[in-house]
């Protein structure tokens, strides 16, 4: 029963995030202003792209860190000698968020 509840909650969260992404992307349509070039539209899309790059990377790293952290604590409680290996796995998961930050700065720097 507990697994089914968690699966239902994850589906709800996934649908909410998908709906938020669709609303965010659909609201970035170009607006017509008198005597304004296309520069405003490309800047806004660049900001949305940078935000998505960092947000999705950080969200994915957070979900992964939750799973790795829970499993790592279980391993450390059984065998404390494996603590250094758990830290390596945690660092590998956190590197995904760092890649997202790097991509964000690359997108904003262009």
N, C-alpha and C. Protein backbone atom coordinates (compact mmCIF):
# COMPACT_ATOMS: atom_id res chain seq x y z
N UNK A 1 0.82 -1.19 0.00
CA UNK A 1 0.00 0.00 0.00
C UNK A 1 0.87 1.25 0.00
N UNK A 2 1.95 1.23 0.74
CA UNK A 2 2.81 2.40 0.84
C UNK A 2 3.45 2.73 -0.50
N UNK A 3 3.87 1.70 -1.24
CA UNK A 3 4.48 1.93 -2.54
C UNK A 3 3.48 2.53 -3.52
N UNK A 4 2.24 2.07 -3.47
CA UNK A 4 1.21 2.60 -4.36
C UNK A 4 0.91 4.06 -4.05
N UNK A 5 0.93 4.43 -2.76
CA UNK A 5 0.72 5.82 -2.38
C UNK A 5 1.87 6.70 -2.88
N UNK A 6 3.10 6.21 -2.73
CA UNK A 6 4.25 6.98 -3.21
C UNK A 6 4.21 7.13 -4.72
N UNK A 7 3.81 6.08 -5.41
CA UNK A 7 3.71 6.14 -6.87
C UNK A 7 2.64 7.14 -7.29
N UNK A 8 1.54 7.18 -6.58
CA UNK A 8 0.46 8.12 -6.87
C UNK A 8 0.93 9.56 -6.63
N UNK A 9 1.66 9.77 -5.55
CA UNK A 9 2.18 11.10 -5.25
C UNK A 9 3.19 11.53 -6.32
N UNK A 10 4.06 10.61 -6.74
CA UNK A 10 5.04 10.95 -7.78
C UNK A 10 4.36 11.28 -9.10
N UNK A 11 3.29 10.57 -9.45
CA UNK A 11 2.55 10.88 -10.67
C UNK A 11 1.92 12.26 -10.58
N UNK A 12 1.38 12.60 -9.42
CA UNK A 12 0.78 13.91 -9.23
C UNK A 12 1.82 15.01 -9.35
N UNK A 13 2.98 14.81 -8.74
CA UNK A 13 4.05 15.79 -8.81
C UNK A 13 4.54 15.93 -10.24
N UNK A 14 4.69 14.82 -10.94
CA UNK A 14 5.14 14.86 -12.32
C UNK A 14 4.16 15.61 -13.21
N UNK A 15 2.88 15.35 -13.03
CA UNK A 15 1.88 16.06 -13.82
C UNK A 15 1.86 17.55 -13.50
N UNK A 16 2.04 17.90 -12.22
CA UNK A 16 2.08 19.32 -11.84
C UNK A 16 3.29 20.01 -12.46
N UNK A 17 4.45 19.35 -12.45
CA UNK A 17 5.64 19.94 -13.05
C UNK A 17 5.49 20.07 -14.56
N UNK A 18 4.88 19.07 -15.19
CA UNK A 18 4.65 19.13 -16.62
C UNK A 18 3.69 20.27 -16.97
N UNK A 19 2.64 20.43 -16.19
CA UNK A 19 1.69 21.52 -16.42
C UNK A 19 2.37 22.87 -16.23
N UNK A 20 3.21 23.00 -15.21
CA UNK A 20 3.94 24.26 -14.99
C UNK A 20 4.89 24.56 -16.14
N UNK A 21 5.53 23.52 -16.67
CA UNK A 21 6.45 23.73 -17.80
C UNK A 21 5.69 24.17 -19.04
N UNK A 22 4.53 23.54 -19.30
CA UNK A 22 3.74 23.92 -20.48
C UNK A 22 3.23 25.34 -20.35
N UNK A 23 2.76 25.71 -19.17
CA UNK A 23 2.28 27.08 -18.97
C UNK A 23 3.42 28.08 -19.11
N UNK A 24 4.58 27.75 -18.58
CA UNK A 24 5.73 28.65 -18.69
C UNK A 24 6.16 28.84 -20.13
N UNK A 25 6.23 27.76 -20.87
CA UNK A 25 6.68 27.86 -22.26
C UNK A 25 5.64 28.56 -23.12
N UNK A 26 4.36 28.31 -22.86
CA UNK A 26 3.32 28.94 -23.68
C UNK A 26 3.19 30.42 -23.38
N UNK A 27 3.63 30.87 -22.22
CA UNK A 27 3.52 32.29 -21.90
C UNK A 27 4.70 33.09 -22.43
N UNK A 28 5.62 32.47 -23.13
CA UNK A 28 6.79 33.15 -23.65
C UNK A 28 6.60 33.49 -25.13
N UNK A 29 5.39 33.69 -25.52
CA UNK A 29 5.14 34.05 -26.91
C UNK A 29 5.54 35.50 -27.12
N UNK A 30 5.92 35.82 -28.33
CA UNK A 30 6.33 37.18 -28.63
C UNK A 30 5.15 38.14 -28.60
N UNK A 31 5.37 39.30 -28.00
CA UNK A 31 4.32 40.31 -27.93
C UNK A 31 4.62 41.39 -28.96
N UNK A 32 3.57 41.98 -29.49
CA UNK A 32 3.73 43.01 -30.51
C UNK A 32 3.77 44.38 -29.85
N UNK A 33 4.91 45.05 -29.95
CA UNK A 33 5.05 46.41 -29.46
C UNK A 33 5.45 47.29 -30.63
N UNK A 34 5.06 48.52 -30.58
CA UNK A 34 5.40 49.46 -31.65
C UNK A 34 6.89 49.77 -31.61
N UNK A 35 7.55 49.64 -32.75
CA UNK A 35 8.96 49.99 -32.95
C UNK A 35 9.91 49.23 -32.02
N UNK A 36 9.62 48.00 -31.79
CA UNK A 36 10.55 47.19 -30.99
C UNK A 36 11.06 46.07 -31.88
N UNK A 37 12.35 45.86 -31.85
CA UNK A 37 12.96 44.80 -32.64
C UNK A 37 12.74 43.44 -32.00
N UNK A 38 13.32 42.44 -32.59
CA UNK A 38 13.17 41.08 -32.11
C UNK A 38 14.13 40.77 -30.97
N UNK A 39 14.92 41.75 -30.53
CA UNK A 39 15.90 41.52 -29.48
C UNK A 39 15.24 41.12 -28.16
N UNK A 40 14.10 41.72 -27.83
CA UNK A 40 13.42 41.39 -26.58
C UNK A 40 12.97 39.95 -26.53
N UNK A 41 12.52 39.42 -27.65
CA UNK A 41 12.05 38.04 -27.68
C UNK A 41 13.20 37.05 -27.48
N UNK A 42 14.34 37.32 -28.13
CA UNK A 42 15.46 36.39 -27.99
C UNK A 42 16.06 36.45 -26.58
N UNK A 43 16.03 37.64 -25.98
CA UNK A 43 16.53 37.74 -24.61
C UNK A 43 15.64 36.96 -23.64
N UNK A 44 14.33 37.06 -23.85
CA UNK A 44 13.44 36.35 -22.93
C UNK A 44 13.57 34.85 -23.11
N UNK A 45 13.72 34.40 -24.35
CA UNK A 45 13.90 32.96 -24.57
C UNK A 45 15.24 32.47 -24.00
N UNK A 46 16.26 33.32 -24.05
CA UNK A 46 17.55 32.95 -23.47
C UNK A 46 17.42 32.80 -21.96
N UNK A 47 16.67 33.70 -21.33
CA UNK A 47 16.48 33.61 -19.88
C UNK A 47 15.67 32.37 -19.51
N UNK A 48 14.64 32.06 -20.31
CA UNK A 48 13.85 30.85 -20.05
C UNK A 48 14.72 29.61 -20.22
N UNK A 49 15.54 29.59 -21.26
CA UNK A 49 16.42 28.44 -21.48
C UNK A 49 17.42 28.26 -20.35
N UNK A 50 17.98 29.38 -19.88
CA UNK A 50 18.93 29.29 -18.77
C UNK A 50 18.24 28.81 -17.50
N UNK A 51 17.04 29.31 -17.27
CA UNK A 51 16.29 28.88 -16.09
C UNK A 51 15.91 27.41 -16.15
N UNK A 52 15.50 26.96 -17.34
CA UNK A 52 15.17 25.54 -17.49
C UNK A 52 16.40 24.66 -17.34
N UNK A 53 17.53 25.11 -17.88
CA UNK A 53 18.76 24.32 -17.77
C UNK A 53 19.14 24.11 -16.30
N UNK A 54 19.10 25.19 -15.54
CA UNK A 54 19.48 25.06 -14.14
C UNK A 54 18.39 24.39 -13.32
N UNK A 55 17.14 24.76 -13.56
CA UNK A 55 16.04 24.21 -12.77
C UNK A 55 15.87 22.72 -12.94
N UNK A 56 15.91 22.25 -14.18
CA UNK A 56 15.74 20.81 -14.41
C UNK A 56 16.94 20.03 -13.89
N UNK A 57 18.15 20.59 -14.05
CA UNK A 57 19.33 19.89 -13.53
C UNK A 57 19.29 19.82 -12.01
N UNK A 58 18.90 20.93 -11.37
CA UNK A 58 18.84 20.93 -9.91
C UNK A 58 17.72 20.03 -9.40
N UNK A 59 16.59 20.02 -10.10
CA UNK A 59 15.50 19.14 -9.69
C UNK A 59 15.86 17.68 -9.83
N UNK A 60 16.48 17.33 -10.96
CA UNK A 60 16.92 15.95 -11.15
C UNK A 60 17.98 15.54 -10.15
N UNK A 61 18.90 16.46 -9.86
CA UNK A 61 19.92 16.15 -8.85
C UNK A 61 19.30 15.99 -7.47
N UNK A 62 18.28 16.77 -7.18
CA UNK A 62 17.61 16.65 -5.88
C UNK A 62 16.91 15.31 -5.72
N UNK A 63 16.23 14.89 -6.79
CA UNK A 63 15.56 13.58 -6.74
C UNK A 63 16.59 12.47 -6.61
N UNK A 64 17.65 12.55 -7.40
CA UNK A 64 18.70 11.53 -7.34
C UNK A 64 19.39 11.52 -5.99
N UNK A 65 19.61 12.70 -5.44
CA UNK A 65 20.28 12.78 -4.14
C UNK A 65 19.41 12.19 -3.04
N UNK A 66 18.11 12.33 -3.18
CA UNK A 66 17.21 11.71 -2.20
C UNK A 66 17.34 10.20 -2.20
N UNK A 67 17.38 9.62 -3.39
CA UNK A 67 17.51 8.16 -3.48
C UNK A 67 18.89 7.69 -3.03
N UNK A 68 19.92 8.38 -3.51
CA UNK A 68 21.29 7.98 -3.14
C UNK A 68 21.54 8.22 -1.65
N UNK A 69 21.01 9.31 -1.13
CA UNK A 69 21.21 9.60 0.29
C UNK A 69 20.55 8.58 1.18
N UNK A 70 19.33 8.19 0.82
CA UNK A 70 18.63 7.18 1.63
C UNK A 70 19.35 5.84 1.59
N UNK A 71 19.77 5.44 0.40
CA UNK A 71 20.50 4.17 0.29
C UNK A 71 21.86 4.27 0.97
N UNK A 72 22.50 5.44 0.85
CA UNK A 72 23.81 5.62 1.48
C UNK A 72 23.73 5.55 2.99
N UNK A 73 22.69 6.15 3.56
CA UNK A 73 22.54 6.06 5.02
C UNK A 73 22.29 4.64 5.47
N UNK A 74 21.55 3.89 4.67
CA UNK A 74 21.32 2.48 5.02
C UNK A 74 22.63 1.70 4.98
N UNK A 75 23.46 1.97 3.98
CA UNK A 75 24.74 1.26 3.87
C UNK A 75 25.67 1.65 5.01
N UNK A 76 25.72 2.94 5.33
CA UNK A 76 26.62 3.40 6.41
C UNK A 76 26.17 2.84 7.76
N UNK A 77 24.87 2.69 7.95
CA UNK A 77 24.40 2.14 9.24
C UNK A 77 24.78 0.67 9.38
N UNK A 78 24.88 -0.04 8.26
CA UNK A 78 25.28 -1.44 8.33
C UNK A 78 26.79 -1.62 8.37
N UNK A 79 27.51 -0.78 7.60
CA UNK A 79 28.97 -0.92 7.52
C UNK A 79 29.59 0.47 7.43
N UNK A 80 30.02 1.05 8.55
CA UNK A 80 30.56 2.41 8.54
C UNK A 80 31.85 2.57 7.71
N UNK A 81 32.48 1.47 7.38
CA UNK A 81 33.71 1.55 6.58
C UNK A 81 33.44 1.99 5.15
N UNK A 82 32.21 1.89 4.70
CA UNK A 82 31.86 2.27 3.33
C UNK A 82 31.44 3.74 3.19
N UNK A 83 31.69 4.53 4.23
CA UNK A 83 31.26 5.92 4.22
C UNK A 83 31.91 6.72 3.08
N UNK A 84 33.19 6.47 2.80
CA UNK A 84 33.87 7.22 1.75
C UNK A 84 33.29 6.90 0.37
N UNK A 85 32.89 5.66 0.14
CA UNK A 85 32.27 5.30 -1.14
C UNK A 85 30.91 5.98 -1.30
N UNK A 86 30.17 6.09 -0.21
CA UNK A 86 28.88 6.76 -0.27
C UNK A 86 29.07 8.23 -0.62
N UNK A 87 30.08 8.86 -0.05
CA UNK A 87 30.35 10.27 -0.37
C UNK A 87 30.72 10.45 -1.83
N UNK A 88 31.40 9.49 -2.41
CA UNK A 88 31.74 9.56 -3.84
C UNK A 88 30.47 9.53 -4.68
N UNK A 89 29.55 8.64 -4.33
CA UNK A 89 28.29 8.56 -5.08
C UNK A 89 27.46 9.84 -4.91
N UNK A 90 27.44 10.40 -3.72
CA UNK A 90 26.71 11.64 -3.49
C UNK A 90 27.33 12.76 -4.32
N UNK A 91 28.65 12.81 -4.39
CA UNK A 91 29.32 13.82 -5.20
C UNK A 91 29.03 13.67 -6.68
N UNK A 92 28.90 12.42 -7.13
CA UNK A 92 28.57 12.20 -8.55
C UNK A 92 27.17 12.71 -8.87
N UNK A 93 26.24 12.53 -7.95
CA UNK A 93 24.88 13.02 -8.19
C UNK A 93 24.86 14.55 -8.15
N UNK A 94 25.59 15.15 -7.23
CA UNK A 94 25.61 16.61 -7.13
C UNK A 94 26.29 17.26 -8.33
N UNK A 95 27.14 16.52 -9.03
CA UNK A 95 27.80 17.10 -10.19
C UNK A 95 26.80 17.42 -11.30
N UNK A 96 25.66 16.75 -11.32
CA UNK A 96 24.63 17.05 -12.32
C UNK A 96 24.13 18.48 -12.14
N UNK A 97 23.93 18.92 -10.90
CA UNK A 97 23.50 20.29 -10.65
C UNK A 97 24.59 21.27 -11.07
N UNK A 98 25.84 20.91 -10.87
CA UNK A 98 26.94 21.79 -11.28
C UNK A 98 26.97 21.92 -12.80
N UNK A 99 26.71 20.83 -13.52
CA UNK A 99 26.64 20.92 -14.98
C UNK A 99 25.50 21.84 -15.41
N UNK A 100 24.40 21.82 -14.70
CA UNK A 100 23.29 22.71 -14.99
C UNK A 100 23.66 24.17 -14.80
N UNK A 101 24.42 24.46 -13.74
CA UNK A 101 24.88 25.84 -13.51
C UNK A 101 25.82 26.27 -14.61
N UNK A 102 26.72 25.39 -15.02
CA UNK A 102 27.66 25.72 -16.10
C UNK A 102 26.90 26.00 -17.40
N UNK A 103 25.91 25.18 -17.71
CA UNK A 103 25.13 25.41 -18.92
C UNK A 103 24.34 26.72 -18.84
N UNK A 104 23.85 27.04 -17.65
CA UNK A 104 23.15 28.30 -17.47
C UNK A 104 24.06 29.48 -17.79
N UNK A 105 25.29 29.45 -17.28
CA UNK A 105 26.21 30.54 -17.55
C UNK A 105 26.64 30.58 -19.02
N UNK A 106 26.73 29.42 -19.66
CA UNK A 106 27.06 29.39 -21.08
C UNK A 106 25.93 30.03 -21.89
N UNK A 107 24.69 29.68 -21.56
CA UNK A 107 23.55 30.24 -22.27
C UNK A 107 23.45 31.76 -22.05
N UNK A 108 23.65 32.21 -20.81
CA UNK A 108 23.55 33.63 -20.53
C UNK A 108 24.73 34.42 -21.08
N UNK A 109 25.86 33.76 -21.29
CA UNK A 109 27.04 34.47 -21.79
C UNK A 109 27.02 34.73 -23.28
N UNK A 110 26.14 34.08 -24.02
CA UNK A 110 26.12 34.27 -25.47
C UNK A 110 25.39 35.51 -25.86
